Amino acid sequence: LCRVLFGPKLNLEAWITLFLIVPILPLDPVYVPGPAKRFAQLCGLAFSFTVVIIRFVFDLKEAAYWVASALFIASSLEGVFSICLGCVGFAIMILMGIIPADTCHKCRMLFHTIK
């Protein structure tokens, strides 16, 4: 929740990654536009909250496992293949006009089809 509201500046994991792990690795950093990443974090938070509600309020174990599995798959795609489903969803919502195109200029540059 803290990361969704304030971005990476208050996230200990982001600081450790940025200042301790990344300088050690011989890889070039990949920068992603902030609004798309924040939306993806909000989607992850919503999935996590949904799992808790389904499991503990409605007592539906199997449904909670399915929602948690979807979250695991989305997180795995991001971690292993750098495919951010939340970012893709953000770009699609810009294309559909749900989110104004001028919300994220870098997103338009990242997804060249967005006008």
C-alpha atoms as a PDB file:
ATOM      1  CA  LEU A   1       0.000   0.000   0.000  1.00  0.00           C
ATOM      2  CA  CYS A   2       2.841   2.347   0.854  1.00  0.00           C
ATOM      3  CA  ARG A   3       4.473   1.778  -2.541  1.00  0.00           C
ATOM      4  CA  VAL A   4       1.224   2.433  -4.386  1.00  0.00           C
ATOM      5  CA  LEU A   5       0.627   5.689  -2.524  1.00  0.00           C
ATOM      6  CA  PHE A   6       4.149   7.112  -2.377  1.00  0.00           C
ATOM      7  CA  GLY A   7       6.125   5.283  -5.068  1.00  0.00           C
ATOM      8  CA  PRO A   8       9.539   3.741  -4.467  1.00  0.00           C
ATOM      9  CA  LYS A   9      10.849   6.505  -2.188  1.00  0.00           C
ATOM     10  CA  LEU A  10       9.419   4.859   0.975  1.00  0.00           C
ATOM     11  CA  ASN A  11       9.989   1.251  -0.068  1.00  0.00           C
ATOM     12  CA  LEU A  12      12.938  -0.459   1.621  1.00  0.00           C
ATOM     13  CA  GLU A  13      13.029  -3.188  -1.044  1.00  0.00           C
ATOM     14  CA  ALA A  14      13.372  -0.558  -3.791  1.00  0.00           C
ATOM     15  CA  TRP A  15      16.229   1.172  -1.955  1.00  0.00           C
ATOM     16  CA  ILE A  16      18.097  -2.098  -1.397  1.00  0.00           C
ATOM     17  CA  THR A  17      17.657  -3.061  -5.022  1.00  0.00           C
ATOM     18  CA  LEU A  18      18.601   0.357  -6.365  1.00  0.00           C
ATOM     19  CA  PHE A  19      21.638   1.045  -4.218  1.00  0.00           C
ATOM     20  CA  LEU A  20      22.995  -2.383  -3.231  1.00  0.00           C
ATOM     21  CA  ILE A  21      22.037  -5.029  -5.776  1.00  0.00           C
ATOM     22  CA  VAL A  22      21.932  -3.187  -9.125  1.00  0.00           C
ATOM     23  CA  PRO A  23      25.430  -1.646  -8.824  1.00  0.00           C
ATOM     24  CA  ILE A  24      26.899  -5.133  -8.277  1.00  0.00           C
ATOM     25  CA  LEU A  25      25.245  -6.648 -11.359  1.00  0.00           C
ATOM     26  CA  PRO A  26      26.774  -6.092 -14.816  1.00  0.00           C
ATOM     27  CA  LEU A  27      23.363  -5.275 -16.312  1.00  0.00           C
ATOM     28  CA  ASP A  28      22.012  -2.031 -17.699  1.00  0.00           C
ATOM     29  CA  PRO A  29      18.951  -0.738 -15.847  1.00  0.00           C
ATOM     30  CA  VAL A  30      15.584  -0.768 -17.622  1.00  0.00           C
ATOM     31  CA  TYR A  31      13.482   2.270 -16.790  1.00  0.00           C
ATOM     32  CA  VAL A  32       9.694   1.989 -16.903  1.00  0.00           C
ATOM     33  CA  PRO A  33       7.254   4.932 -16.858  1.00  0.00           C
ATOM     34  CA  GLY A  34       5.979   5.713 -13.367  1.00  0.00           C
ATOM     35  CA  PRO A  35       2.203   5.913 -13.934  1.00  0.00           C
ATOM     36  CA  ALA A  36       2.066   2.517 -15.654  1.00  0.00           C
ATOM     37  CA  LYS A  37       4.134   0.905 -12.905  1.00  0.00           C
ATOM     38  CA  ARG A  38       2.015   2.455 -10.167  1.00  0.00           C
ATOM     39  CA  PHE A  39      -1.105   1.118 -11.876  1.00  0.00           C
ATOM     40  CA  ALA A  40       0.496  -2.342 -12.001  1.00  0.00           C
ATOM     41  CA  GLN A  41       1.274  -2.102  -8.266  1.00  0.00           C
ATOM     42  CA  LEU A  42      -2.320  -1.110  -7.597  1.00  0.00           C
ATOM     43  CA  CYS A  43      -3.490  -4.164  -9.566  1.00  0.00           C
ATOM     44  CA  GLY A  44      -1.255  -6.397  -7.426  1.00  0.00           C
ATOM     45  CA  LEU A  45      -2.631  -4.821  -4.266  1.00  0.00           C
ATOM     46  CA  ALA A  46      -6.198  -5.320  -5.526  1.00  0.00           C
ATOM     47  CA  PHE A  47      -5.495  -8.990  -6.314  1.00  0.00           C
ATOM     48  CA  SER A  48      -3.975  -9.525  -2.857  1.00  0.00           C
ATOM     49  CA  PHE A  49      -6.889  -7.801  -1.133  1.00  0.00           C
ATOM     50  CA  THR A  50      -9.340  -9.874  -3.199  1.00  0.00           C
ATOM     51  CA  VAL A  51      -7.619 -13.090  -2.136  1.00  0.00           C
ATOM     52  CA  VAL A  52      -7.919 -12.128   1.530  1.00  0.00           C
ATOM     53  CA  ILE A  53     -11.585 -11.166   1.188  1.00  0.00           C
ATOM     54  CA  ILE A  54     -12.520 -14.300  -0.756  1.00  0.00           C
ATOM     55  CA  ARG A  55     -10.668 -16.566   1.651  1.00  0.00           C
ATOM     56  CA  PHE A  56     -11.508 -15.091   5.035  1.00  0.00           C
ATOM     57  CA  VAL A  57     -14.823 -13.301   4.520  1.00  0.00           C
ATOM     58  CA  PHE A  58     -16.518 -15.714   2.117  1.00  0.00           C
ATOM     59  CA  ASP A  59     -14.497 -18.788   3.191  1.00  0.00           C
ATOM     60  CA  LEU A  60     -13.935 -19.918  -0.407  1.00  0.00           C
ATOM     61  CA  LYS A  61     -10.512 -21.570  -0.335  1.00  0.00           C
ATOM     62  CA  GLU A  62     -10.443 -22.797  -3.904  1.00  0.00           C
ATOM     63  CA  ALA A  63     -11.527 -19.460  -5.397  1.00  0.00           C
ATOM     64  CA  ALA A  64      -8.877 -17.685  -3.333  1.00  0.00           C
ATOM     65  CA  TYR A  65      -6.246 -20.106  -4.641  1.00  0.00           C
ATOM     66  CA  TRP A  66      -7.283 -19.362  -8.229  1.00  0.00           C
ATOM     67  CA  VAL A  67      -7.016 -15.605  -7.726  1.00  0.00           C
ATOM     68  CA  ALA A  68      -3.674 -16.038  -5.942  1.00  0.00           C
ATOM     69  CA  SER A  69      -2.498 -18.229  -8.834  1.00  0.00           C
ATOM     70  CA  ALA A  70      -3.356 -15.468 -11.308  1.00  0.00           C
ATOM     71  CA  LEU A  71      -1.332 -13.023  -9.194  1.00  0.00           C
ATOM     72  CA  PHE A  72       1.559 -15.498  -9.076  1.00  0.00           C
ATOM     73  CA  ILE A  73       1.498 -15.919 -12.862  1.00  0.00           C
ATOM     74  CA  ALA A  74       1.452 -12.141 -13.435  1.00  0.00           C
ATOM     75  CA  SER A  75       4.318 -11.656 -10.960  1.00  0.00           C
ATOM     76  CA  SER A  76       6.298 -14.468 -12.576  1.00  0.00           C
ATOM     77  CA  LEU A  77       5.882 -12.950 -16.033  1.00  0.00           C
ATOM     78  CA  GLU A  78       7.210  -9.661 -14.669  1.00  0.00           C
ATOM     79  CA  GLY A  79      10.111 -11.209 -12.793  1.00  0.00           C
ATOM     80  CA  VAL A  80      11.258 -13.756 -15.364  1.00  0.00           C
ATOM     81  CA  PHE A  81      10.374 -12.224 -18.739  1.00  0.00           C
ATOM     82  CA  SER A  82       9.932  -8.516 -17.873  1.00  0.00           C
ATOM     83  CA  ILE A  83       6.349  -8.631 -19.130  1.00  0.00           C
ATOM     84  CA  CYS A  84       4.296  -6.273 -16.980  1.00  0.00           C
ATOM     85  CA  LEU A  85       0.610  -7.151 -17.408  1.00  0.00           C
ATOM     86  CA  GLY A  86      -0.446  -4.097 -15.415  1.00  0.00           C
ATOM     87  CA  CYS A  87       1.595  -1.863 -17.740  1.00  0.00           C
ATOM     88  CA  VAL A  88       0.025  -3.521 -20.775  1.00  0.00           C
ATOM     89  CA  GLY A  89      -3.410  -2.991 -19.247  1.00  0.00           C
ATOM     90  CA  PHE A  90      -2.541   0.654 -18.606  1.00  0.00           C
ATOM     91  CA  ALA A  91      -1.550   1.085 -22.267  1.00  0.00           C
ATOM     92  CA  ILE A  92      -4.778  -0.586 -23.425  1.00  0.00           C
ATOM     93  CA  MET A  93      -6.818   1.771 -21.237  1.00  0.00           C
ATOM     94  CA  ILE A  94      -4.996   4.728 -22.807  1.00  0.00           C
ATOM     95  CA  LEU A  95      -5.851   3.338 -26.250  1.00  0.00           C
ATOM     96  CA  MET A  96      -9.505   2.920 -25.250  1.00  0.00           C
ATOM     97  CA  GLY A  97      -9.633   6.477 -23.907  1.00  0.00           C
ATOM     98  CA  ILE A  98     -10.318   5.427 -20.306  1.00  0.00           C
ATOM     99  CA  ILE A  99      -7.083   7.101 -19.200  1.00  0.00           C
ATOM    100  CA  PRO A 100      -6.153  10.390 -20.927  1.00  0.00           C
ATOM    101  CA  ALA A 101      -3.221   9.972 -23.322  1.00  0.00           C
ATOM    102  CA  ASP A 102      -1.368  12.934 -21.844  1.00  0.00           C
ATOM    103  CA  THR A 103      -1.241  11.181 -18.445  1.00  0.00           C
ATOM    104  CA  CYS A 104       1.987   9.511 -19.430  1.00  0.00           C
ATOM    105  CA  HIS A 105       4.141  10.831 -22.267  1.00  0.00           C
ATOM    106  CA  LYS A 106       6.753   8.122 -21.658  1.00  0.00           C
ATOM    107  CA  CYS A 107       4.025   5.481 -21.933  1.00  0.00           C
ATOM    108  CA  ARG A 108       3.202   6.759 -25.403  1.00  0.00           C
ATOM    109  CA  MET A 109       6.858   6.461 -26.333  1.00  0.00           C
ATOM    110  CA  LEU A 110       7.050   2.956 -24.856  1.00  0.00           C
ATOM    111  CA  PHE A 111       3.939   1.720 -26.647  1.00  0.00           C
ATOM    112  CA  HIS A 112       4.368   3.303 -30.080  1.00  0.00           C
ATOM    113  CA  THR A 113       0.789   2.543 -31.145  1.00  0.00           C
ATOM    114  CA  ILE A 114      -0.665   5.027 -28.660  1.00  0.00           C
ATOM    115  CA  LYS A 115      -1.480   8.304 -30.382  1.00  0.00           C
END
